[in-house]
């Protein structure tokens, strides 16, 4: 039997990553012959670490903080969604070619639409934040054609900078707008928190009127307990969900990029949820 193909998740830190557990389950489920490990790279040594891994026969890598921008620059070829995100979380090595992809947005959309059963097409969607997490999911969100996407941030100029290229691309298909948090008006069907506020147990300063019992509120963060954003949204009547499913779905998309096989995610998601409880 041939030796297993090698994959890693590269980051700094990386010991906390659940990716090896997820991909081990995907490999067992699909019968793919691969090993997947964690690889700690020095903060100033990402490229050297990846080159050494490739030299040892590495086939691909997931990339986590703080290296997604370096991975973008390192790739010799970029997918459309990586170009739109301006960052790479998935690398595939094939001879001299290094393909850079970003599976975060597809993971988010898959979790909302397929797993949560919430349609995005034709809906009024609010995306909170204008950093890398937000940028990584805009194109996949727009591809499923919401009626309106509003990108909100404390500094509206940063949101505007983010929105402009997408507004031009989808000019006849989706209304793409920007706002400061405090100036938001009207109820939303879907609110997605792409800020890091939950890490510091804070909630973006949102008017309560944005949320009704018909609102679906999603936090990209996840943990043992609902995030403060989820608690805030639930208090005002929303249905809420955290980002654990996004983690599993983006991993499944990476697996598909590498292996051409799409694993089933439900059982893996359930196992991870049990581990957190």
C-alpha atoms as a PDB file:
ATOM      1  CA  UNK A   1       0.000   0.000   0.000  1.00  0.00           C
ATOM      2  CA  UNK A   2       1.278   3.472  -0.877  1.00  0.00           C
ATOM      3  CA  UNK A   3       2.273   5.742   2.018  1.00  0.00           C
ATOM      4  CA  UNK A   4      -0.456   8.226   2.982  1.00  0.00           C
ATOM      5  CA  UNK A   5      -0.485  11.687   1.437  1.00  0.00           C
ATOM      6  CA  UNK A   6       0.474  14.391   3.924  1.00  0.00           C
ATOM      7  CA  UNK A   7      -1.555  17.466   4.846  1.00  0.00           C
ATOM      8  CA  UNK A   8      -1.206  19.972   7.679  1.00  0.00           C
ATOM      9  CA  UNK A   9      -2.754  23.002   9.274  1.00  0.00           C
ATOM     10  CA  UNK A  10      -0.148  25.767   9.612  1.00  0.00           C
ATOM     11  CA  UNK A  11      -0.473  28.521  12.172  1.00  0.00           C
ATOM     12  CA  UNK A  12       1.009  30.309  15.168  1.00  0.00           C
ATOM     13  CA  UNK A  13      -0.373  29.139  17.546  1.00  0.00           C
ATOM     14  CA  UNK A  14      -1.774  25.910  16.139  1.00  0.00           C
ATOM     15  CA  UNK A  15      -2.032  23.434  19.045  1.00  0.00           C
ATOM     16  CA  UNK A  16      -5.701  24.343  19.607  1.00  0.00           C
ATOM     17  CA  UNK A  17      -6.747  23.530  16.033  1.00  0.00           C
ATOM     18  CA  UNK A  18      -9.529  20.973  15.577  1.00  0.00           C
ATOM     19  CA  UNK A  19      -8.626  20.476  11.910  1.00  0.00           C
ATOM     20  CA  UNK A  20      -6.646  17.214  12.421  1.00  0.00           C
ATOM     21  CA  UNK A  21      -9.634  15.631  14.191  1.00  0.00           C
ATOM     22  CA  UNK A  22     -12.018  16.802  11.477  1.00  0.00           C
ATOM     23  CA  UNK A  23      -9.889  15.614   8.558  1.00  0.00           C
ATOM     24  CA  UNK A  24      -9.100  12.276  10.204  1.00  0.00           C
ATOM     25  CA  UNK A  25     -12.851  11.661  10.374  1.00  0.00           C
ATOM     26  CA  UNK A  26     -13.314  12.771   6.760  1.00  0.00           C
ATOM     27  CA  UNK A  27     -10.497  10.440   5.619  1.00  0.00           C
ATOM     28  CA  UNK A  28     -11.945   7.453   7.494  1.00  0.00           C
ATOM     29  CA  UNK A  29     -15.413   8.164   6.128  1.00  0.00           C
ATOM     30  CA  UNK A  30     -14.301   8.476   2.488  1.00  0.00           C
ATOM     31  CA  UNK A  31     -11.507   5.868   2.473  1.00  0.00           C
ATOM     32  CA  UNK A  32      -8.875   8.440   1.519  1.00  0.00           C
ATOM     33  CA  UNK A  33      -5.273   7.494   2.334  1.00  0.00           C
ATOM     34  CA  UNK A  34      -3.910  10.577   4.095  1.00  0.00           C
ATOM     35  CA  UNK A  35      -2.365  11.906   7.293  1.00  0.00           C
ATOM     36  CA  UNK A  36      -3.194  15.368   8.619  1.00  0.00           C
ATOM     37  CA  UNK A  37      -1.121  17.069  11.336  1.00  0.00           C
ATOM     38  CA  UNK A  38      -0.552  20.427  12.989  1.00  0.00           C
ATOM     39  CA  UNK A  39       2.505  22.417  11.892  1.00  0.00           C
ATOM     40  CA  UNK A  40       3.691  25.346  13.990  1.00  0.00           C
ATOM     41  CA  UNK A  41       5.477  27.985  11.916  1.00  0.00           C
ATOM     42  CA  UNK A  42       7.582  30.795  13.392  1.00  0.00           C
ATOM     43  CA  UNK A  43       5.856  34.142  12.975  1.00  0.00           C
ATOM     44  CA  UNK A  44       8.602  35.229  10.585  1.00  0.00           C
ATOM     45  CA  UNK A  45       9.040  31.846   8.912  1.00  0.00           C
ATOM     46  CA  UNK A  46       5.827  30.906   7.128  1.00  0.00           C
ATOM     47  CA  UNK A  47       7.234  30.577   3.598  1.00  0.00           C
ATOM     48  CA  UNK A  48      10.292  28.610   4.740  1.00  0.00           C
ATOM     49  CA  UNK A  49       8.063  26.258   6.742  1.00  0.00           C
ATOM     50  CA  UNK A  50       5.763  25.619   3.786  1.00  0.00           C
ATOM     51  CA  UNK A  51       8.653  25.076   1.375  1.00  0.00           C
ATOM     52  CA  UNK A  52      10.187  22.529   3.748  1.00  0.00           C
ATOM     53  CA  UNK A  53       6.835  20.732   3.997  1.00  0.00           C
ATOM     54  CA  UNK A  54       6.499  20.633   0.199  1.00  0.00           C
ATOM     55  CA  UNK A  55      10.068  19.302  -0.104  1.00  0.00           C
ATOM     56  CA  UNK A  56       9.091  16.400   2.167  1.00  0.00           C
ATOM     57  CA  UNK A  57       6.191  15.517  -0.124  1.00  0.00           C
ATOM     58  CA  UNK A  58       3.394  17.551   1.403  1.00  0.00           C
ATOM     59  CA  UNK A  59       0.278  17.713  -0.762  1.00  0.00           C
ATOM     60  CA  UNK A  60      -1.663  20.546   0.828  1.00  0.00           C
ATOM     61  CA  UNK A  61      -2.244  22.735   3.850  1.00  0.00           C
ATOM     62  CA  UNK A  62      -4.852  24.690   5.700  1.00  0.00           C
ATOM     63  CA  UNK A  63      -3.641  28.089   6.845  1.00  0.00           C
ATOM     64  CA  UNK A  64      -4.820  29.824  10.002  1.00  0.00           C
ATOM     65  CA  UNK A  65      -3.841  33.016  11.818  1.00  0.00           C
ATOM     66  CA  UNK A  66      -1.642  34.908  11.308  1.00  0.00           C
ATOM     67  CA  UNK A  67      -0.596  33.592   7.901  1.00  0.00           C
ATOM     68  CA  UNK A  68      -3.607  33.902   5.571  1.00  0.00           C
ATOM     69  CA  UNK A  69      -2.239  37.010   3.847  1.00  0.00           C
ATOM     70  CA  UNK A  70       1.199  35.444   3.423  1.00  0.00           C
ATOM     71  CA  UNK A  71      -0.440  32.340   1.972  1.00  0.00           C
ATOM     72  CA  UNK A  72      -2.259  34.594  -0.510  1.00  0.00           C
ATOM     73  CA  UNK A  73       1.059  36.103  -1.626  1.00  0.00           C
ATOM     74  CA  UNK A  74       2.784  32.688  -1.681  1.00  0.00           C
ATOM     75  CA  UNK A  75       0.296  31.000  -4.032  1.00  0.00           C
ATOM     76  CA  UNK A  76       1.149  30.876  -7.736  1.00  0.00           C
ATOM     77  CA  UNK A  77      -2.525  30.585  -8.708  1.00  0.00           C
ATOM     78  CA  UNK A  78      -5.637  31.892  -6.928  1.00  0.00           C
ATOM     79  CA  UNK A  79      -9.284  30.892  -7.150  1.00  0.00           C
ATOM     80  CA  UNK A  80     -11.903  33.610  -7.670  1.00  0.00           C
ATOM     81  CA  UNK A  81     -13.045  33.300  -4.067  1.00  0.00           C
ATOM     82  CA  UNK A  82      -9.474  33.645  -2.788  1.00  0.00           C
ATOM     83  CA  UNK A  83      -9.004  36.771  -4.905  1.00  0.00           C
ATOM     84  CA  UNK A  84     -12.255  38.221  -3.554  1.00  0.00           C
ATOM     85  CA  UNK A  85     -11.278  37.390   0.032  1.00  0.00           C
ATOM     86  CA  UNK A  86      -7.759  38.754  -0.337  1.00  0.00           C
ATOM     87  CA  UNK A  87      -6.621  35.864   1.843  1.00  0.00           C
ATOM     88  CA  UNK A  88      -5.971  32.125   1.548  1.00  0.00           C
ATOM     89  CA  UNK A  89      -6.867  29.380   4.032  1.00  0.00           C
ATOM     90  CA  UNK A  90      -6.267  26.405   1.714  1.00  0.00           C
ATOM     91  CA  UNK A  91      -3.148  25.558  -0.289  1.00  0.00           C
ATOM     92  CA  UNK A  92      -2.823  22.694  -2.763  1.00  0.00           C
ATOM     93  CA  UNK A  93       0.623  21.671  -4.019  1.00  0.00           C
ATOM     94  CA  UNK A  94       0.903  20.133  -7.492  1.00  0.00           C
ATOM     95  CA  UNK A  95       4.394  20.132  -8.979  1.00  0.00           C
ATOM     96  CA  UNK A  96       5.491  23.757  -9.310  1.00  0.00           C
ATOM     97  CA  UNK A  97       1.903  24.998  -8.969  1.00  0.00           C
ATOM     98  CA  UNK A  98       0.656  26.255  -5.606  1.00  0.00           C
ATOM     99  CA  UNK A  99      -3.106  26.784  -5.695  1.00  0.00           C
ATOM    100  CA  UNK A 100      -4.507  29.222  -3.132  1.00  0.00           C
ATOM    101  CA  UNK A 101      -8.181  29.017  -2.191  1.00  0.00           C
ATOM    102  CA  UNK A 102     -10.472  30.398   0.493  1.00  0.00           C
ATOM    103  CA  UNK A 103     -13.215  28.080   1.726  1.00  0.00           C
ATOM    104  CA  UNK A 104     -14.488  30.175   4.655  1.00  0.00           C
ATOM    105  CA  UNK A 105     -17.382  31.827   2.817  1.00  0.00           C
ATOM    106  CA  UNK A 106     -18.589  28.615   1.215  1.00  0.00           C
ATOM    107  CA  UNK A 107     -18.434  27.027   4.666  1.00  0.00           C
ATOM    108  CA  UNK A 108     -20.590  29.802   6.116  1.00  0.00           C
ATOM    109  CA  UNK A 109     -23.198  29.637   3.359  1.00  0.00           C
ATOM    110  CA  UNK A 110     -23.360  25.824   3.506  1.00  0.00           C
ATOM    111  CA  UNK A 111     -23.902  25.892   7.255  1.00  0.00           C
ATOM    112  CA  UNK A 112     -26.658  28.500   7.061  1.00  0.00           C
ATOM    113  CA  UNK A 113     -28.513  27.108   4.046  1.00  0.00           C
ATOM    114  CA  UNK A 114     -28.047  23.347   4.331  1.00  0.00           C
ATOM    115  CA  UNK A 115     -27.502  22.722   8.033  1.00  0.00           C
ATOM    116  CA  UNK A 116     -29.634  25.464   9.582  1.00  0.00           C
ATOM    117  CA  UNK A 117     -32.186  25.341   6.764  1.00  0.00           C
ATOM    118  CA  UNK A 118     -32.252  29.125   6.362  1.00  0.00           C
ATOM    119  CA  UNK A 119     -32.484  30.457   2.815  1.00  0.00           C
ATOM    120  CA  UNK A 120     -30.406  33.502   1.878  1.00  0.00           C
ATOM    121  CA  UNK A 121     -31.776  34.158  -1.620  1.00  0.00           C
ATOM    122  CA  UNK A 122     -34.045  37.198  -1.667  1.00  0.00           C
ATOM    123  CA  UNK A 123     -33.378  38.057   1.988  1.00  0.00           C
ATOM    124  CA  UNK A 124     -32.213  41.235   3.704  1.00  0.00           C
ATOM    125  CA  UNK A 125     -28.791  40.385   5.135  1.00  0.00           C
ATOM    126  CA  UNK A 126     -26.607  42.349   7.555  1.00  0.00           C
ATOM    127  CA  UNK A 127     -22.889  41.583   7.808  1.00  0.00           C
ATOM    128  CA  UNK A 128     -21.219  43.032  10.895  1.00  0.00           C
ATOM    129  CA  UNK A 129     -17.542  43.986  10.567  1.00  0.00           C
ATOM    130  CA  UNK A 130     -15.221  44.985   7.749  1.00  0.00           C
ATOM    131  CA  UNK A 131     -12.099  42.976   8.563  1.00  0.00           C
ATOM    132  CA  UNK A 132     -10.693  39.816   7.027  1.00  0.00           C
ATOM    133  CA  UNK A 133     -13.464  37.550   8.335  1.00  0.00           C
ATOM    134  CA  UNK A 134     -16.112  39.695   6.665  1.00  0.00           C
ATOM    135  CA  UNK A 135     -14.222  40.064   3.399  1.00  0.00           C
ATOM    136  CA  UNK A 136     -13.760  36.295   3.162  1.00  0.00           C
ATOM    137  CA  UNK A 137     -17.503  35.611   3.045  1.00  0.00           C
ATOM    138  CA  UNK A 138     -18.927  38.424   0.888  1.00  0.00           C
ATOM    139  CA  UNK A 139     -18.565  36.762  -2.534  1.00  0.00           C
ATOM    140  CA  UNK A 140     -20.174  33.438  -1.503  1.00  0.00           C
ATOM    141  CA  UNK A 141     -23.007  35.370   0.169  1.00  0.00           C
ATOM    142  CA  UNK A 142     -23.623  37.473  -2.946  1.00  0.00           C
ATOM    143  CA  UNK A 143     -23.458  34.381  -5.157  1.00  0.00           C
ATOM    144  CA  UNK A 144     -26.661  33.079  -3.527  1.00  0.00           C
ATOM    145  CA  UNK A 145     -28.394  36.383  -4.352  1.00  0.00           C
ATOM    146  CA  UNK A 146     -29.781  38.018  -1.227  1.00  0.00           C
ATOM    147  CA  UNK A 147     -32.062  40.942  -2.032  1.00  0.00           C
ATOM    148  CA  UNK A 148     -29.828  43.289  -0.048  1.00  0.00           C
ATOM    149  CA  UNK A 149     -26.489  43.004   1.735  1.00  0.00           C
ATOM    150  CA  UNK A 150     -25.505  45.740   4.171  1.00  0.00           C
ATOM    151  CA  UNK A 151     -21.950  45.735   5.506  1.00  0.00           C
ATOM    152  CA  UNK A 152     -21.807  47.597   8.824  1.00  0.00           C
ATOM    153  CA  UNK A 153     -18.756  48.719  10.751  1.00  0.00           C
ATOM    154  CA  UNK A 154     -17.790  51.254  13.409  1.00  0.00           C
ATOM    155  CA  UNK A 155     -15.947  53.136  10.651  1.00  0.00           C
ATOM    156  CA  UNK A 156     -18.180  53.283   7.595  1.00  0.00           C
ATOM    157  CA  UNK A 157     -15.263  54.223   5.301  1.00  0.00           C
ATOM    158  CA  UNK A 158     -13.697  50.807   5.922  1.00  0.00           C
ATOM    159  CA  UNK A 159     -16.985  49.094   5.101  1.00  0.00           C
ATOM    160  CA  UNK A 160     -17.288  51.217   1.948  1.00  0.00           C
ATOM    161  CA  UNK A 161     -13.791  50.252   0.841  1.00  0.00           C
ATOM    162  CA  UNK A 162     -14.749  46.607   1.281  1.00  0.00           C
ATOM    163  CA  UNK A 163     -18.097  46.917  -0.508  1.00  0.00           C
ATOM    164  CA  UNK A 164     -17.054  48.884  -3.581  1.00  0.00           C
ATOM    165  CA  UNK A 165     -15.617  46.124  -5.810  1.00  0.00           C
ATOM    166  CA  UNK A 166     -18.501  43.788  -4.982  1.00  0.00           C
ATOM    167  CA  UNK A 167     -21.052  46.540  -5.620  1.00  0.00           C
ATOM    168  CA  UNK A 168     -19.674  46.973  -9.133  1.00  0.00           C
ATOM    169  CA  UNK A 169     -19.591  43.224  -9.764  1.00  0.00           C
ATOM    170  CA  UNK A 170     -23.189  42.632  -8.643  1.00  0.00           C
ATOM    171  CA  UNK A 171     -24.661  45.990  -9.690  1.00  0.00           C
ATOM    172  CA  UNK A 172     -27.711  44.498 -11.438  1.00  0.00           C
ATOM    173  CA  UNK A 173     -28.236  41.563  -9.060  1.00  0.00           C
ATOM    174  CA  UNK A 174     -27.856  42.531  -5.386  1.00  0.00           C
ATOM    175  CA  UNK A 175     -28.082  45.850  -3.558  1.00  0.00           C
ATOM    176  CA  UNK A 176     -24.797  46.214  -1.636  1.00  0.00           C
ATOM    177  CA  UNK A 177     -24.800  49.015   0.952  1.00  0.00           C
ATOM    178  CA  UNK A 178     -22.735  50.138   3.931  1.00  0.00           C
ATOM    179  CA  UNK A 179     -23.501  51.740   7.281  1.00  0.00           C
ATOM    180  CA  UNK A 180     -22.178  52.581  10.700  1.00  0.00           C
ATOM    181  CA  UNK A 181     -23.622  50.361  13.426  1.00  0.00           C
ATOM    182  CA  UNK A 182     -25.629  53.174  15.012  1.00  0.00           C
ATOM    183  CA  UNK A 183     -27.248  54.263  11.722  1.00  0.00           C
ATOM    184  CA  UNK A 184     -28.746  50.889  10.808  1.00  0.00           C
ATOM    185  CA  UNK A 185     -32.503  50.862  10.325  1.00  0.00           C
ATOM    186  CA  UNK A 186     -35.239  48.295   9.742  1.00  0.00           C
ATOM    187  CA  UNK A 187     -35.452  44.608  10.591  1.00  0.00           C
ATOM    188  CA  UNK A 188     -33.139  42.047   8.982  1.00  0.00           C
ATOM    189  CA  UNK A 189     -33.821  38.464   7.954  1.00  0.00           C
ATOM    190  CA  UNK A 190     -30.222  37.396   8.618  1.00  0.00           C
ATOM    191  CA  UNK A 191     -27.513  39.040  10.746  1.00  0.00           C
ATOM    192  CA  UNK A 192     -23.976  37.636  10.598  1.00  0.00           C
ATOM    193  CA  UNK A 193     -21.398  38.700  13.176  1.00  0.00           C
ATOM    194  CA  UNK A 194     -17.959  38.748  11.527  1.00  0.00           C
ATOM    195  CA  UNK A 195     -16.423  41.025  14.170  1.00  0.00           C
ATOM    196  CA  UNK A 196     -14.071  39.789  16.879  1.00  0.00           C
ATOM    197  CA  UNK A 197     -16.249  41.377  19.590  1.00  0.00           C
ATOM    198  CA  UNK A 198     -17.312  37.988  20.978  1.00  0.00           C
ATOM    199  CA  UNK A 199     -13.695  37.243  21.895  1.00  0.00           C
ATOM    200  CA  UNK A 200     -13.821  40.121  24.370  1.00  0.00           C
ATOM    201  CA  UNK A 201     -17.422  39.333  25.392  1.00  0.00           C
ATOM    202  CA  UNK A 202     -18.772  42.463  23.748  1.00  0.00           C
ATOM    203  CA  UNK A 203     -21.706  43.056  21.419  1.00  0.00           C
ATOM    204  CA  UNK A 204     -21.512  45.500  18.501  1.00  0.00           C
ATOM    205  CA  UNK A 205     -23.660  48.552  19.360  1.00  0.00           C
ATOM    206  CA  UNK A 206     -26.770  47.603  17.403  1.00  0.00           C
ATOM    207  CA  UNK A 207     -30.282  49.067  17.631  1.00  0.00           C
ATOM    208  CA  UNK A 208     -32.703  46.465  19.038  1.00  0.00           C
ATOM    209  CA  UNK A 209     -35.112  47.226  16.199  1.00  0.00           C
ATOM    210  CA  UNK A 210     -32.923  45.290  13.740  1.00  0.00           C
ATOM    211  CA  UNK A 211     -33.949  42.004  15.356  1.00  0.00           C
ATOM    212  CA  UNK A 212     -37.387  40.393  15.313  1.00  0.00           C
ATOM    213  CA  UNK A 213     -38.670  36.871  15.871  1.00  0.00           C
ATOM    214  CA  UNK A 214     -38.081  36.295  12.126  1.00  0.00           C
ATOM    215  CA  UNK A 215     -34.369  37.152  12.364  1.00  0.00           C
ATOM    216  CA  UNK A 216     -31.677  34.479  12.077  1.00  0.00           C
ATOM    217  CA  UNK A 217     -28.514  35.621  13.908  1.00  0.00           C
ATOM    218  CA  UNK A 218     -25.199  33.871  13.231  1.00  0.00           C
ATOM    219  CA  UNK A 219     -21.903  34.365  15.055  1.00  0.00           C
ATOM    220  CA  UNK A 220     -18.762  33.111  13.287  1.00  0.00           C
ATOM    221  CA  UNK A 221     -17.249  32.460  16.722  1.00  0.00           C
ATOM    222  CA  UNK A 222     -18.158  29.324  18.673  1.00  0.00           C
ATOM    223  CA  UNK A 223     -17.647  27.892  22.132  1.00  0.00           C
ATOM    224  CA  UNK A 224     -19.148  25.821  24.910  1.00  0.00           C
ATOM    225  CA  UNK A 225     -21.725  28.493  25.651  1.00  0.00           C
ATOM    226  CA  UNK A 226     -23.640  30.829  23.315  1.00  0.00           C
ATOM    227  CA  UNK A 227     -21.610  33.944  22.556  1.00  0.00           C
ATOM    228  CA  UNK A 228     -22.690  37.312  23.951  1.00  0.00           C
ATOM    229  CA  UNK A 229     -23.890  38.283  20.475  1.00  0.00           C
ATOM    230  CA  UNK A 230     -26.072  35.159  20.328  1.00  0.00           C
ATOM    231  CA  UNK A 231     -27.428  35.891  23.805  1.00  0.00           C
ATOM    232  CA  UNK A 232     -28.224  39.475  22.795  1.00  0.00           C
ATOM    233  CA  UNK A 233     -29.974  38.376  19.590  1.00  0.00           C
ATOM    234  CA  UNK A 234     -31.925  35.586  21.303  1.00  0.00           C
ATOM    235  CA  UNK A 235     -33.090  38.003  24.001  1.00  0.00           C
ATOM    236  CA  UNK A 236     -34.730  40.070  21.266  1.00  0.00           C
ATOM    237  CA  UNK A 237     -36.431  37.108  19.613  1.00  0.00           C
ATOM    238  CA  UNK A 238     -33.922  35.847  17.017  1.00  0.00           C
ATOM    239  CA  UNK A 239     -33.073  32.257  16.191  1.00  0.00           C
ATOM    240  CA  UNK A 240     -29.313  31.916  16.790  1.00  0.00           C
ATOM    241  CA  UNK A 241     -26.417  29.701  15.682  1.00  0.00           C
ATOM    242  CA  UNK A 242     -22.654  29.764  16.279  1.00  0.00           C
ATOM    243  CA  UNK A 243     -19.803  29.137  13.833  1.00  0.00           C
ATOM    244  CA  UNK A 244     -18.934  25.520  14.651  1.00  0.00           C
ATOM    245  CA  UNK A 245     -20.762  24.317  11.559  1.00  0.00           C
ATOM    246  CA  UNK A 246     -18.868  26.843   9.445  1.00  0.00           C
ATOM    247  CA  UNK A 247     -15.604  25.348  10.751  1.00  0.00           C
ATOM    248  CA  UNK A 248     -16.660  21.847   9.685  1.00  0.00           C
ATOM    249  CA  UNK A 249     -18.071  22.963   6.329  1.00  0.00           C
ATOM    250  CA  UNK A 250     -15.001  24.988   5.333  1.00  0.00           C
ATOM    251  CA  UNK A 251     -12.879  21.946   6.195  1.00  0.00           C
ATOM    252  CA  UNK A 252     -15.084  19.758   4.000  1.00  0.00           C
ATOM    253  CA  UNK A 253     -14.610  22.198   1.129  1.00  0.00           C
ATOM    254  CA  UNK A 254     -10.820  22.102   1.614  1.00  0.00           C
ATOM    255  CA  UNK A 255     -10.973  18.290   1.597  1.00  0.00           C
ATOM    256  CA  UNK A 256     -12.869  18.446  -1.699  1.00  0.00           C
ATOM    257  CA  UNK A 257     -10.288  20.833  -3.195  1.00  0.00           C
ATOM    258  CA  UNK A 258      -7.495  18.394  -2.294  1.00  0.00           C
ATOM    259  CA  UNK A 259      -9.131  15.020  -2.920  1.00  0.00           C
ATOM    260  CA  UNK A 260     -12.062  15.616  -5.285  1.00  0.00           C
ATOM    261  CA  UNK A 261     -14.329  13.860  -2.760  1.00  0.00           C
ATOM    262  CA  UNK A 262     -16.967  15.663  -0.695  1.00  0.00           C
ATOM    263  CA  UNK A 263     -17.308  14.217   2.822  1.00  0.00           C
ATOM    264  CA  UNK A 264     -20.516  14.156   4.841  1.00  0.00           C
ATOM    265  CA  UNK A 265     -20.414  16.680   7.673  1.00  0.00           C
ATOM    266  CA  UNK A 266     -23.353  15.951   9.984  1.00  0.00           C
ATOM    267  CA  UNK A 267     -21.727  13.228  12.109  1.00  0.00           C
ATOM    268  CA  UNK A 268     -18.461  15.187  12.403  1.00  0.00           C
ATOM    269  CA  UNK A 269     -20.348  18.301  13.513  1.00  0.00           C
ATOM    270  CA  UNK A 270     -22.270  16.290  16.126  1.00  0.00           C
ATOM    271  CA  UNK A 271     -19.044  14.800  17.518  1.00  0.00           C
ATOM    272  CA  UNK A 272     -17.395  18.204  17.841  1.00  0.00           C
ATOM    273  CA  UNK A 273     -20.477  19.645  19.524  1.00  0.00           C
ATOM    274  CA  UNK A 274     -20.396  16.813  22.061  1.00  0.00           C
ATOM    275  CA  UNK A 275     -16.727  17.460  22.768  1.00  0.00           C
ATOM    276  CA  UNK A 276     -17.511  21.105  23.503  1.00  0.00           C
ATOM    277  CA  UNK A 277     -20.352  20.348  25.901  1.00  0.00           C
END
